[in-house]
PDB file of all heavy atoms in Angstrom:
ATOM      1  N   ASP A   1     141.935  84.074 152.937  1.00  0.00           N
ATOM      2  CA  ASP A   1     141.451  83.566 151.659  1.00  0.00           C
ATOM      3  C   ASP A   1     140.804  82.186 151.727  1.00  0.00           C
ATOM      4  O   ASP A   1     139.918  81.882 150.942  1.00  0.00           O
ATOM      5  CB  ASP A   1     142.623  83.541 150.669  1.00  0.00           C
ATOM      6  CG  ASP A   1     142.187  83.153 149.273  1.00  0.00           C
ATOM      7  OD1 ASP A   1     141.271  83.806 148.740  1.00  0.00           O
ATOM      8  OD2 ASP A   1     142.762  82.200 148.722  1.00  0.00           O
ATOM      9  N   ARG A   2     141.238  81.332 152.636  1.00  0.00           N
ATOM     10  CA  ARG A   2     140.792  79.936 152.641  1.00  0.00           C
ATOM     11  C   ARG A   2     139.891  79.644 153.833  1.00  0.00           C
ATOM     12  O   ARG A   2     140.271  79.857 154.979  1.00  0.00           O
ATOM     13  CB  ARG A   2     141.992  79.002 152.678  1.00  0.00           C
ATOM     14  CG  ARG A   2     142.852  79.130 151.452  1.00  0.00           C
ATOM     15  CD  ARG A   2     143.939  78.106 151.437  1.00  0.00           C
ATOM     16  NE  ARG A   2     144.853  78.411 150.358  1.00  0.00           N
ATOM     17  CZ  ARG A   2     146.161  78.457 150.479  1.00  0.00           C
ATOM     18  NH1 ARG A   2     146.723  78.185 151.635  1.00  0.00           N
ATOM     19  NH2 ARG A   2     146.920  78.757 149.459  1.00  0.00           N
ATOM     20  N   LEU A   3     138.721  79.119 153.532  1.00  0.00           N
ATOM     21  CA  LEU A   3     137.778  78.787 154.599  1.00  0.00           C
ATOM     22  C   LEU A   3     138.353  77.755 155.560  1.00  0.00           C
ATOM     23  O   LEU A   3     138.118  77.823 156.763  1.00  0.00           O
ATOM     24  CB  LEU A   3     136.466  78.286 154.010  1.00  0.00           C
ATOM     25  CG  LEU A   3     135.600  79.331 153.318  1.00  0.00           C
ATOM     26  CD1 LEU A   3     134.376  78.676 152.704  1.00  0.00           C
ATOM     27  CD2 LEU A   3     135.218  80.435 154.277  1.00  0.00           C
ATOM     28  N   SER A   4     139.114  76.797 155.053  1.00  0.00           N
ATOM     29  CA  SER A   4     139.675  75.766 155.930  1.00  0.00           C
ATOM     30  C   SER A   4     140.656  76.370 156.934  1.00  0.00           C
ATOM     31  O   SER A   4     140.651  75.989 158.111  1.00  0.00           O
ATOM     32  CB  SER A   4     140.366  74.671 155.113  1.00  0.00           C
ATOM     33  OG  SER A   4     141.418  75.214 154.326  1.00  0.00           O
ATOM     34  N   PHE A   5     141.482  77.316 156.511  1.00  0.00           N
ATOM     35  CA  PHE A   5     142.413  77.976 157.429  1.00  0.00           C
ATOM     36  C   PHE A   5     141.638  78.818 158.438  1.00  0.00           C
ATOM     37  O   PHE A   5     141.939  78.827 159.630  1.00  0.00           O
ATOM     38  CB  PHE A   5     143.403  78.860 156.670  1.00  0.00           C
ATOM     39  CG  PHE A   5     144.579  78.130 156.107  1.00  0.00           C
ATOM     40  CD1 PHE A   5     144.420  77.128 155.168  1.00  0.00           C
ATOM     41  CD2 PHE A   5     145.852  78.455 156.511  1.00  0.00           C
ATOM     42  CE1 PHE A   5     145.508  76.468 154.638  1.00  0.00           C
ATOM     43  CE2 PHE A   5     146.953  77.798 155.986  1.00  0.00           C
ATOM     44  CZ  PHE A   5     146.777  76.804 155.049  1.00  0.00           C
ATOM     45  N   ARG A   6     140.652  79.541 157.954  1.00  0.00           N
ATOM     46  CA  ARG A   6     139.836  80.396 158.822  1.00  0.00           C
ATOM     47  C   ARG A   6     139.148  79.542 159.888  1.00  0.00           C
ATOM     48  O   ARG A   6     139.142  79.872 161.069  1.00  0.00           O
ATOM     49  CB  ARG A   6     138.812  81.142 157.980  1.00  0.00           C
ATOM     50  CG  ARG A   6     137.943  82.090 158.759  1.00  0.00           C
ATOM     51  CD  ARG A   6     136.927  82.753 157.837  1.00  0.00           C
ATOM     52  NE  ARG A   6     137.519  83.804 157.045  1.00  0.00           N
ATOM     53  CZ  ARG A   6     137.556  85.077 157.407  1.00  0.00           C
ATOM     54  NH1 ARG A   6     137.027  85.453 158.545  1.00  0.00           N
ATOM     55  NH2 ARG A   6     138.112  85.976 156.637  1.00  0.00           N
ATOM     56  N   ARG A   7     138.567  78.433 159.472  1.00  0.00           N
ATOM     57  CA  ARG A   7     137.879  77.532 160.399  1.00  0.00           C
ATOM     58  C   ARG A   7     138.869  76.937 161.403  1.00  0.00           C
ATOM     59  O   ARG A   7     138.594  76.883 162.596  1.00  0.00           O
ATOM     60  CB  ARG A   7     137.186  76.422 159.614  1.00  0.00           C
ATOM     61  CG  ARG A   7     136.227  75.606 160.445  1.00  0.00           C
ATOM     62  CD  ARG A   7     135.435  74.610 159.619  1.00  0.00           C
ATOM     63  NE  ARG A   7     134.974  75.180 158.370  1.00  0.00           N
ATOM     64  CZ  ARG A   7     135.167  74.613 157.178  1.00  0.00           C
ATOM     65  NH1 ARG A   7     135.780  73.475 157.066  1.00  0.00           N
ATOM     66  NH2 ARG A   7     134.740  75.188 156.085  1.00  0.00           N
ATOM     67  N   PHE A   8     140.034  76.501 160.922  1.00  0.00           N
ATOM     68  CA  PHE A   8     141.051  75.920 161.794  1.00  0.00           C
ATOM     69  C   PHE A   8     141.479  76.914 162.871  1.00  0.00           C
ATOM     70  O   PHE A   8     141.667  76.552 164.029  1.00  0.00           O
ATOM     71  CB  PHE A   8     142.269  75.482 160.972  1.00  0.00           C
ATOM     72  CG  PHE A   8     143.376  74.903 161.791  1.00  0.00           C
ATOM     73  CD1 PHE A   8     143.318  73.588 162.220  1.00  0.00           C
ATOM     74  CD2 PHE A   8     144.478  75.671 162.134  1.00  0.00           C
ATOM     75  CE1 PHE A   8     144.336  73.052 162.982  1.00  0.00           C
ATOM     76  CE2 PHE A   8     145.497  75.145 162.895  1.00  0.00           C
ATOM     77  CZ  PHE A   8     145.429  73.831 163.318  1.00  0.00           C
ATOM     78  N   CYS A   9     141.602  78.184 162.495  1.00  0.00           N
ATOM     79  CA  CYS A   9     142.027  79.226 163.438  1.00  0.00           C
ATOM     80  C   CYS A   9     140.880  79.765 164.283  1.00  0.00           C
ATOM     81  O   CYS A   9     141.117  80.516 165.230  1.00  0.00           O
ATOM     82  CB  CYS A   9     142.697  80.376 162.687  1.00  0.00           C
ATOM     83  SG  CYS A   9     144.243  79.909 161.908  1.00  0.00           S
ATOM     84  N   GLY A  10     139.654  79.397 163.939  1.00  0.00           N
ATOM     85  CA  GLY A  10     138.507  79.819 164.727  1.00  0.00           C
ATOM     86  C   GLY A  10     137.967  81.197 164.416  1.00  0.00           C
ATOM     87  O   GLY A  10     137.301  81.806 165.256  1.00  0.00           O
ATOM     88  N   PHE A  11     138.235  81.705 163.211  1.00  0.00           N
ATOM     89  CA  PHE A  11     137.732  83.024 162.830  1.00  0.00           C
ATOM     90  C   PHE A  11     136.397  82.890 162.096  1.00  0.00           C
ATOM     91  O   PHE A  11     136.340  82.272 161.043  1.00  0.00           O
ATOM     92  CB  PHE A  11     138.722  83.760 161.919  1.00  0.00           C
ATOM     93  CG  PHE A  11     139.996  84.127 162.585  1.00  0.00           C
ATOM     94  CD1 PHE A  11     141.181  83.514 162.233  1.00  0.00           C
ATOM     95  CD2 PHE A  11     140.021  85.100 163.579  1.00  0.00           C
ATOM     96  CE1 PHE A  11     142.373  83.855 162.854  1.00  0.00           C
ATOM     97  CE2 PHE A  11     141.207  85.450 164.206  1.00  0.00           C
ATOM     98  CZ  PHE A  11     142.384  84.823 163.847  1.00  0.00           C
ATOM     99  N   PRO A  12     135.322  83.488 162.639  1.00  0.00           N
ATOM    100  CA  PRO A  12     134.051  83.476 161.919  1.00  0.00           C
ATOM    101  C   PRO A  12     134.156  84.285 160.626  1.00  0.00           C
ATOM    102  O   PRO A  12     135.052  85.123 160.486  1.00  0.00           O
ATOM    103  CB  PRO A  12     133.069  84.151 162.882  1.00  0.00           C
ATOM    104  CG  PRO A  12     133.785  84.334 164.173  1.00  0.00           C
ATOM    105  CD  PRO A  12     135.249  84.151 163.918  1.00  0.00           C
ATOM    106  N   LEU A  13     133.257  84.029 159.714  1.00  0.00           N
ATOM    107  CA  LEU A  13     133.291  84.713 158.418  1.00  0.00           C
ATOM    108  C   LEU A  13     133.111  86.225 158.545  1.00  0.00           C
ATOM    109  O   LEU A  13     133.627  86.972 157.728  1.00  0.00           O
ATOM    110  CB  LEU A  13     132.213  84.148 157.492  1.00  0.00           C
ATOM    111  CG  LEU A  13     132.441  82.726 157.004  1.00  0.00           C
ATOM    112  CD1 LEU A  13     131.246  82.257 156.192  1.00  0.00           C
ATOM    113  CD2 LEU A  13     133.722  82.633 156.202  1.00  0.00           C
ATOM    114  N   ASP A  14     132.396  86.666 159.574  1.00  0.00           N
ATOM    115  CA  ASP A  14     132.142  88.101 159.724  1.00  0.00           C
ATOM    116  C   ASP A  14     133.205  88.819 160.559  1.00  0.00           C
ATOM    117  O   ASP A  14     133.078  89.996 160.843  1.00  0.00           O
ATOM    118  CB  ASP A  14     130.755  88.336 160.329  1.00  0.00           C
ATOM    119  CG  ASP A  14     130.596  87.731 161.716  1.00  0.00           C
ATOM    120  OD1 ASP A  14     131.445  86.924 162.127  1.00  0.00           O
ATOM    121  OD2 ASP A  14     129.603  88.064 162.383  1.00  0.00           O
ATOM    122  N   GLN A  15     134.264  88.106 160.925  1.00  0.00           N
ATOM    123  CA  GLN A  15     135.343  88.709 161.727  1.00  0.00           C
ATOM    124  C   GLN A  15     136.567  88.947 160.857  1.00  0.00           C
ATOM    125  O   GLN A  15     136.921  88.125 160.014  1.00  0.00           O
ATOM    126  CB  GLN A  15     135.711  87.779 162.880  1.00  0.00           C
ATOM    127  CG  GLN A  15     136.758  88.343 163.809  1.00  0.00           C
ATOM    128  CD  GLN A  15     137.029  87.410 164.980  1.00  0.00           C
ATOM    129  OE1 GLN A  15     136.243  86.535 165.285  1.00  0.00           O
ATOM    130  NE2 GLN A  15     138.172  87.592 165.615  1.00  0.00           N
ATOM    131  N   LYS A  16     137.211  90.076 161.062  1.00  0.00           N
ATOM    132  CA  LYS A  16     138.445  90.391 160.343  1.00  0.00           C
ATOM    133  C   LYS A  16     139.556  89.436 160.808  1.00  0.00           C
ATOM    134  O   LYS A  16     139.634  89.086 161.976  1.00  0.00           O
ATOM    135  CB  LYS A  16     138.837  91.842 160.625  1.00  0.00           C
ATOM    136  CG  LYS A  16     139.968  92.331 159.780  1.00  0.00           C
ATOM    137  CD  LYS A  16     140.249  93.800 160.048  1.00  0.00           C
ATOM    138  CE  LYS A  16     141.361  94.237 159.119  1.00  0.00           C
ATOM    139  NZ  LYS A  16     142.248  95.184 159.684  1.00  0.00           N
ATOM    140  N   THR A  17     140.396  89.032 159.886  1.00  0.00           N
ATOM    141  CA  THR A  17     141.508  88.153 160.228  1.00  0.00           C
ATOM    142  C   THR A  17     142.765  88.995 160.480  1.00  0.00           C
ATOM    143  O   THR A  17     142.876  90.121 160.001  1.00  0.00           O
ATOM    144  CB  THR A  17     141.768  87.137 159.099  1.00  0.00           C
ATOM    145  OG1 THR A  17     141.970  87.842 157.885  1.00  0.00           O
ATOM    146  CG2 THR A  17     140.597  86.178 158.954  1.00  0.00           C
ATOM    147  N   PRO A  18     143.728  88.441 161.228  1.00  0.00           N
ATOM    148  CA  PRO A  18     144.918  89.229 161.561  1.00  0.00           C
ATOM    149  C   PRO A  18     145.821  89.469 160.355  1.00  0.00           C
ATOM    150  O   PRO A  18     145.896  88.649 159.452  1.00  0.00           O
ATOM    151  CB  PRO A  18     145.637  88.371 162.604  1.00  0.00           C
ATOM    152  CG  PRO A  18     145.133  86.997 162.395  1.00  0.00           C
ATOM    153  CD  PRO A  18     143.754  87.122 161.838  1.00  0.00           C
ATOM    154  N   ASP A  19     146.487  90.612 160.373  1.00  0.00           N
ATOM    155  CA  ASP A  19     147.464  90.895 159.328  1.00  0.00           C
ATOM    156  C   ASP A  19     148.799  90.241 159.707  1.00  0.00           C
ATOM    157  O   ASP A  19     148.945  89.684 160.793  1.00  0.00           O
ATOM    158  CB  ASP A  19     147.619  92.397 159.098  1.00  0.00           C
ATOM    159  CG  ASP A  19     148.176  93.134 160.309  1.00  0.00           C
ATOM    160  OD1 ASP A  19     148.673  92.497 161.252  1.00  0.00           O
ATOM    161  OD2 ASP A  19     148.123  94.375 160.302  1.00  0.00           O
ATOM    162  N   HIS A  20     149.757  90.289 158.797  1.00  0.00           N
ATOM    163  CA  HIS A  20     151.022  89.580 159.021  1.00  0.00           C
ATOM    164  C   HIS A  20     151.790  90.113 160.228  1.00  0.00           C
ATOM    165  O   HIS A  20     152.485  89.363 160.910  1.00  0.00           O
ATOM    166  CB  HIS A  20     151.893  89.571 157.761  1.00  0.00           C
ATOM    167  CG  HIS A  20     152.439  90.902 157.383  1.00  0.00           C
ATOM    168  ND1 HIS A  20     151.715  91.828 156.673  1.00  0.00           N
ATOM    169  CD2 HIS A  20     153.646  91.461 157.616  1.00  0.00           C
ATOM    170  CE1 HIS A  20     152.449  92.901 156.476  1.00  0.00           C
ATOM    171  NE2 HIS A  20     153.633  92.715 157.045  1.00  0.00           N
ATOM    172  N   MET A  21     151.661  91.393 160.539  1.00  0.00           N
ATOM    173  CA  MET A  21     152.362  91.933 161.711  1.00  0.00           C
ATOM    174  C   MET A  21     151.742  91.420 163.011  1.00  0.00           C
ATOM    175  O   MET A  21     152.451  91.142 163.978  1.00  0.00           O
ATOM    176  CB  MET A  21     152.364  93.461 161.691  1.00  0.00           C
ATOM    177  CG  MET A  21     153.340  94.037 160.675  1.00  0.00           C
ATOM    178  SD  MET A  21     155.062  93.455 160.865  1.00  0.00           S
ATOM    179  CE  MET A  21     155.450  94.040 162.499  1.00  0.00           C
ATOM    180  N   SER A  22     150.428  91.261 163.038  1.00  0.00           N
ATOM    181  CA  SER A  22     149.771  90.685 164.214  1.00  0.00           C
ATOM    182  C   SER A  22     150.203  89.244 164.406  1.00  0.00           C
ATOM    183  O   SER A  22     150.449  88.793 165.534  1.00  0.00           O
ATOM    184  CB  SER A  22     148.250  90.761 164.072  1.00  0.00           C
ATOM    185  OG  SER A  22     147.828  92.099 164.005  1.00  0.00           O
ATOM    186  N   ILE A  23     150.294  88.508 163.314  1.00  0.00           N
ATOM    187  CA  ILE A  23     150.757  87.117 163.376  1.00  0.00           C
ATOM    188  C   ILE A  23     152.194  87.078 163.881  1.00  0.00           C
ATOM    189  O   ILE A  23     152.534  86.272 164.751  1.00  0.00           O
ATOM    190  CB  ILE A  23     150.617  86.443 161.991  1.00  0.00           C
ATOM    191  CG1 ILE A  23     149.129  86.325 161.622  1.00  0.00           C
ATOM    192  CG2 ILE A  23     151.309  85.084 161.968  1.00  0.00           C
ATOM    193  CD1 ILE A  23     148.871  85.929 160.192  1.00  0.00           C
ATOM    194  N   TRP A  24     153.037  87.957 163.365  1.00  0.00           N
ATOM    195  CA  TRP A  24     154.436  88.008 163.803  1.00  0.00           C
ATOM    196  C   TRP A  24     154.527  88.327 165.295  1.00  0.00           C
ATOM    197  O   TRP A  24     155.279  87.696 166.026  1.00  0.00           O
ATOM    198  CB  TRP A  24     155.224  89.044 163.002  1.00  0.00           C
ATOM    199  CG  TRP A  24     156.653  89.115 163.439  1.00  0.00           C
ATOM    200  CD1 TRP A  24     157.674  88.326 163.000  1.00  0.00           C
ATOM    201  CD2 TRP A  24     157.216  89.994 164.418  1.00  0.00           C
ATOM    202  NE1 TRP A  24     158.844  88.659 163.640  1.00  0.00           N
ATOM    203  CE2 TRP A  24     158.586  89.687 164.531  1.00  0.00           C
ATOM    204  CE3 TRP A  24     156.693  91.000 165.224  1.00  0.00           C
ATOM    205  CZ2 TRP A  24     159.428  90.354 165.402  1.00  0.00           C
ATOM    206  CZ3 TRP A  24     157.539  91.663 166.097  1.00  0.00           C
ATOM    207  CH2 TRP A  24     158.892  91.337 166.173  1.00  0.00           C
ATOM    208  N   ARG A  25     153.754  89.340 165.752  1.00  0.00           N
ATOM    209  CA  ARG A  25     153.793  89.717 167.172  1.00  0.00           C
ATOM    210  C   ARG A  25     153.332  88.571 168.065  1.00  0.00           C
ATOM    211  O   ARG A  25     153.923  88.318 169.118  1.00  0.00           O
ATOM    212  CB  ARG A  25     152.942  90.964 167.422  1.00  0.00           C
ATOM    213  CG  ARG A  25     153.629  92.242 166.983  1.00  0.00           C
ATOM    214  CD  ARG A  25     152.888  93.479 167.461  1.00  0.00           C
ATOM    215  NE  ARG A  25     151.547  93.583 166.923  1.00  0.00           N
ATOM    216  CZ  ARG A  25     151.239  94.178 165.780  1.00  0.00           C
ATOM    217  NH1 ARG A  25     152.179  94.745 165.041  1.00  0.00           N
ATOM    218  NH2 ARG A  25     149.990  94.225 165.368  1.00  0.00           N
ATOM    219  N   PHE A  26     152.303  87.851 167.648  1.00  0.00           N
ATOM    220  CA  PHE A  26     151.822  86.697 168.415  1.00  0.00           C
ATOM    221  C   PHE A  26     152.901  85.621 168.485  1.00  0.00           C
ATOM    222  O   PHE A  26     153.202  85.083 169.555  1.00  0.00           O
ATOM    223  CB  PHE A  26     150.545  86.133 167.779  1.00  0.00           C
ATOM    224  CG  PHE A  26     150.043  84.896 168.454  1.00  0.00           C
ATOM    225  CD1 PHE A  26     149.418  84.967 169.689  1.00  0.00           C
ATOM    226  CD2 PHE A  26     150.191  83.654 167.860  1.00  0.00           C
ATOM    227  CE1 PHE A  26     148.947  83.824 170.320  1.00  0.00           C
ATOM    228  CE2 PHE A  26     149.732  82.512 168.472  1.00  0.00           C
ATOM    229  CZ  PHE A  26     149.108  82.595 169.709  1.00  0.00           C
ATOM    230  N   ARG A  27     153.491  85.299 167.339  1.00  0.00           N
ATOM    231  CA  ARG A  27     154.547  84.286 167.302  1.00  0.00           C
ATOM    232  C   ARG A  27     155.736  84.708 168.153  1.00  0.00           C
ATOM    233  O   ARG A  27     156.293  83.918 168.913  1.00  0.00           O
ATOM    234  CB  ARG A  27     154.965  84.028 165.852  1.00  0.00           C
ATOM    235  CG  ARG A  27     155.945  82.880 165.695  1.00  0.00           C
ATOM    236  CD  ARG A  27     156.166  82.518 164.240  1.00  0.00           C
ATOM    237  NE  ARG A  27     156.318  83.640 163.342  1.00  0.00           N
ATOM    238  CZ  ARG A  27     157.437  84.354 163.213  1.00  0.00           C
ATOM    239  NH1 ARG A  27     158.485  84.079 163.945  1.00  0.00           N
ATOM    240  NH2 ARG A  27     157.498  85.345 162.338  1.00  0.00           N
ATOM    241  N   GLN A  28     156.103  85.975 168.048  1.00  0.00           N
ATOM    242  CA  GLN A  28     157.235  86.483 168.829  1.00  0.00           C
ATOM    243  C   GLN A  28     156.939  86.418 170.326  1.00  0.00           C
ATOM    244  O   GLN A  28     157.811  86.097 171.126  1.00  0.00           O
ATOM    245  CB  GLN A  28     157.573  87.914 168.416  1.00  0.00           C
ATOM    246  CG  GLN A  28     158.879  88.412 168.990  1.00  0.00           C
ATOM    247  CD  GLN A  28     160.079  87.547 168.599  1.00  0.00           C
ATOM    248  OE1 GLN A  28     160.223  87.173 167.432  1.00  0.00           O
ATOM    249  NE2 GLN A  28     160.917  87.219 169.545  1.00  0.00           N
ATOM    250  N   ARG A  29     155.716  86.695 170.718  1.00  0.00           N
ATOM    251  CA  ARG A  29     155.331  86.619 172.136  1.00  0.00           C
ATOM    252  C   ARG A  29     155.445  85.178 172.639  1.00  0.00           C
ATOM    253  O   ARG A  29     155.896  84.953 173.760  1.00  0.00           O
ATOM    254  CB  ARG A  29     153.907  87.154 172.308  1.00  0.00           C
ATOM    255  CG  ARG A  29     153.439  87.190 173.717  1.00  0.00           C
ATOM    256  CD  ARG A  29     154.083  88.341 174.463  1.00  0.00           C
ATOM    257  NE  ARG A  29     153.491  88.432 175.784  1.00  0.00           N
ATOM    258  CZ  ARG A  29     154.179  88.648 176.890  1.00  0.00           C
ATOM    259  NH1 ARG A  29     155.465  88.887 176.844  1.00  0.00           N
ATOM    260  NH2 ARG A  29     153.580  88.679 178.041  1.00  0.00           N
ATOM    261  N   LEU A  30     155.051  84.219 171.816  1.00  0.00           N
ATOM    262  CA  LEU A  30     155.209  82.811 172.195  1.00  0.00           C
ATOM    263  C   LEU A  30     156.680  82.481 172.419  1.00  0.00           C
ATOM    264  O   LEU A  30     157.039  81.793 173.391  1.00  0.00           O
ATOM    265  CB  LEU A  30     154.637  81.890 171.114  1.00  0.00           C
ATOM    266  CG  LEU A  30     153.133  81.852 170.972  1.00  0.00           C
ATOM    267  CD1 LEU A  30     152.754  81.021 169.747  1.00  0.00           C
ATOM    268  CD2 LEU A  30     152.469  81.315 172.215  1.00  0.00           C
ATOM    269  N   VAL A  31     157.544  82.969 171.542  1.00  0.00           N
ATOM    270  CA  VAL A  31     158.984  82.740 171.672  1.00  0.00           C
ATOM    271  C   VAL A  31     159.499  83.403 172.946  1.00  0.00           C
ATOM    272  O   VAL A  31     160.234  82.786 173.729  1.00  0.00           O
ATOM    273  CB  VAL A  31     159.739  83.261 170.429  1.00  0.00           C
ATOM    274  CG1 VAL A  31     161.239  83.262 170.654  1.00  0.00           C
ATOM    275  CG2 VAL A  31     159.375  82.433 169.197  1.00  0.00           C
ATOM    276  N   ASP A  32     159.094  84.650 173.180  1.00  0.00           N
ATOM    277  CA  ASP A  32     159.550  85.377 174.366  1.00  0.00           C
ATOM    278  C   ASP A  32     159.158  84.666 175.657  1.00  0.00           C
ATOM    279  O   ASP A  32     159.901  84.679 176.639  1.00  0.00           O
ATOM    280  CB  ASP A  32     158.985  86.801 174.390  1.00  0.00           C
ATOM    281  CG  ASP A  32     159.550  87.679 173.280  1.00  0.00           C
ATOM    282  OD1 ASP A  32     160.569  87.298 172.667  1.00  0.00           O
ATOM    283  OD2 ASP A  32     158.944  88.741 173.028  1.00  0.00           O
ATOM    284  N   LEU A  33     157.993  84.020 175.656  1.00  0.00           N
ATOM    285  CA  LEU A  33     157.507  83.305 176.840  1.00  0.00           C
ATOM    286  C   LEU A  33     157.986  81.856 176.890  1.00  0.00           C
ATOM    287  O   LEU A  33     157.705  81.142 177.844  1.00  0.00           O
ATOM    288  CB  LEU A  33     155.980  83.341 176.892  1.00  0.00           C
ATOM    289  CG  LEU A  33     155.354  84.713 177.085  1.00  0.00           C
ATOM    290  CD1 LEU A  33     153.839  84.644 176.905  1.00  0.00           C
ATOM    291  CD2 LEU A  33     155.720  85.266 178.452  1.00  0.00           C
ATOM    292  N   GLY A  34     158.699  81.427 175.839  1.00  0.00           N
ATOM    293  CA  GLY A  34     159.196  80.052 175.789  1.00  0.00           C
ATOM    294  C   GLY A  34     158.096  79.021 175.591  1.00  0.00           C
ATOM    295  O   GLY A  34     158.233  77.881 176.021  1.00  0.00           O
ATOM    296  N   LEU A  35     157.030  79.408 174.917  1.00  0.00           N
ATOM    297  CA  LEU A  35     155.876  78.518 174.754  1.00  0.00           C
ATOM    298  C   LEU A  35     155.769  77.895 173.370  1.00  0.00           C
ATOM    299  O   LEU A  35     154.880  77.069 173.140  1.00  0.00           O
ATOM    300  CB  LEU A  35     154.585  79.287 175.058  1.00  0.00           C
ATOM    301  CG  LEU A  35     154.434  79.783 176.488  1.00  0.00           C
ATOM    302  CD1 LEU A  35     153.185  80.644 176.614  1.00  0.00           C
ATOM    303  CD2 LEU A  35     154.388  78.621 177.452  1.00  0.00           C
ATOM    304  N   GLN A  36     156.637  78.266 172.443  1.00  0.00           N
ATOM    305  CA  GLN A  36     156.495  77.788 171.072  1.00  0.00           C
ATOM    306  C   GLN A  36     156.602  76.269 170.968  1.00  0.00           C
ATOM    307  O   GLN A  36     155.833  75.640 170.238  1.00  0.00           O
ATOM    308  CB  GLN A  36     157.474  78.487 170.111  1.00  0.00           C
ATOM    309  CG  GLN A  36     158.908  78.059 170.222  1.00  0.00           C
ATOM    310  CD  GLN A  36     159.693  78.745 171.344  1.00  0.00           C
ATOM    311  OE1 GLN A  36     159.136  79.432 172.180  1.00  0.00           O
ATOM    312  NE2 GLN A  36     160.985  78.544 171.359  1.00  0.00           N
TER     313      GLN A  36
END
């Protein structure tokens, strides 16, 4: 919804943004690798 968030995350306007499950899986992978 917000251009500032999209820009901060590096998503161009013509690219689909991740859904909440993709965000969760990414965050969980960071935790699993001890990188958070």
